[in-house]
Amino acid sequence: MDDDLGGGQGPTYPNTWRCSVRIEAEGRIYVGRLHVPEKQGRVSDLLADTRPFLNLTDVSVDGAGELEPFVAVAKRCVRTVRILGEGIGTR
């Protein structure tokens, strides 16, 4: 299954799979591609690890038409994460 964000220009990372997500954090809405390391396998594993940030690429912030190539969202600020689509890259 392909993601639904179109052909953005954000960076790609080896040994990861990407999924499209909607993240609500501190009154903002981020829609972009979350990069999940193969060794973790699940988004929930990434949320539970010790790294303080979620790295997103090809990100729309608050519904803006322009995509940001990269945004790091502090996990401590995240209220909700919704998976919109998954399956890009190795899994």
Protein backbone atom coordinates (compact mmCIF):
# COMPACT_ATOMS: atom_id res chain seq x y z
CA MET A 1 0.00 0.00 0.00
CA ASP A 2 1.36 3.42 -0.93
CA ASP A 3 1.04 6.48 1.22
CA ASP A 4 -1.37 9.25 0.45
CA LEU A 5 0.84 12.33 0.65
CA GLY A 6 2.02 12.50 -2.93
CA GLY A 7 5.62 12.77 -4.08
CA GLY A 8 7.29 15.02 -1.52
CA GLN A 9 10.96 15.89 -1.48
CA GLY A 10 11.83 15.03 2.14
CA PRO A 11 14.86 12.87 2.96
CA THR A 12 14.73 9.09 3.00
CA TYR A 13 16.43 6.88 5.56
CA PRO A 14 17.87 3.40 5.01
CA ASN A 15 16.56 0.45 7.02
CA THR A 16 13.24 2.11 7.76
CA TRP A 17 9.68 1.83 6.60
CA ARG A 18 7.43 4.86 6.34
CA CYS A 19 3.82 5.37 7.22
CA SER A 20 1.55 8.35 6.79
CA VAL A 21 0.41 9.73 10.13
CA ARG A 22 -1.66 12.52 11.64
CA ILE A 23 -0.17 13.77 14.91
CA GLU A 24 -1.92 16.16 17.26
CA ALA A 25 0.56 17.98 19.51
CA GLU A 26 0.27 21.21 21.52
CA GLY A 27 -2.66 22.55 19.51
CA ARG A 28 -1.10 21.80 16.12
CA ILE A 29 -1.87 19.09 13.59
CA TYR A 30 1.01 17.46 11.70
CA VAL A 31 0.34 15.20 8.71
CA GLY A 32 3.41 13.56 7.25
CA ARG A 33 5.55 10.47 6.85
CA LEU A 34 6.88 8.85 10.00
CA HIS A 35 10.07 6.82 9.57
CA VAL A 36 10.06 3.62 11.67
CA PRO A 37 13.34 1.67 12.03
CA GLU A 38 13.05 -1.93 10.79
CA LYS A 39 14.32 -3.27 14.11
CA GLN A 40 11.37 -1.69 15.93
CA GLY A 41 8.75 -2.84 13.49
CA ARG A 42 5.73 -1.00 14.92
CA VAL A 43 4.76 2.62 15.45
CA SER A 44 3.96 1.78 19.08
CA ASP A 45 7.58 0.59 19.56
CA LEU A 46 8.83 3.92 18.23
CA LEU A 47 6.51 5.85 20.54
CA ALA A 48 7.72 3.85 23.57
CA ASP A 49 11.48 4.09 22.95
CA THR A 50 13.73 6.61 24.72
CA ARG A 51 14.26 9.02 21.84
CA PRO A 52 12.60 12.37 22.62
CA PHE A 53 11.43 13.23 19.09
CA LEU A 54 9.35 11.76 16.26
CA ASN A 55 10.91 12.56 12.88
CA LEU A 56 8.49 13.37 10.09
CA THR A 57 9.12 14.17 6.44
CA ASP A 58 6.87 15.76 3.82
CA VAL A 59 4.83 17.44 6.56
CA SER A 60 1.75 19.61 6.37
CA VAL A 61 1.35 21.74 9.51
CA ASP A 62 -2.21 22.77 10.41
CA GLY A 63 -3.48 21.96 6.93
CA ALA A 64 -1.12 24.34 5.12
CA GLY A 65 -0.78 23.67 1.42
CA GLU A 66 3.01 23.86 1.53
CA LEU A 67 4.89 20.77 2.73
CA GLU A 68 7.81 21.11 5.10
CA PRO A 69 10.60 18.66 4.16
CA PHE A 70 11.34 17.76 7.81
CA VAL A 71 9.75 18.34 11.22
CA ALA A 72 10.77 16.85 14.59
CA VAL A 73 7.88 16.63 17.06
CA ALA A 74 8.64 16.27 20.78
CA LYS A 75 7.04 13.06 22.05
CA ARG A 76 6.18 14.71 25.37
CA CYS A 77 3.87 17.10 23.47
CA VAL A 78 2.00 14.43 21.46
CA ARG A 79 -1.67 13.91 22.31
CA THR A 80 -2.69 11.54 19.50
CA VAL A 81 -1.10 9.60 16.62
CA ARG A 82 -3.31 8.24 13.87
CA ILE A 83 -1.93 6.00 11.11
CA LEU A 84 -3.36 7.06 7.75
CA GLY A 85 -1.47 4.61 5.53
CA GLU A 86 1.60 2.43 5.66
CA GLY A 87 3.93 0.29 3.67
CA ILE A 88 6.65 2.38 2.00
CA GLY A 89 10.10 0.86 2.31
CA THR A 90 11.16 -2.41 3.88
CA ARG A 91 9.09 -4.00 6.59
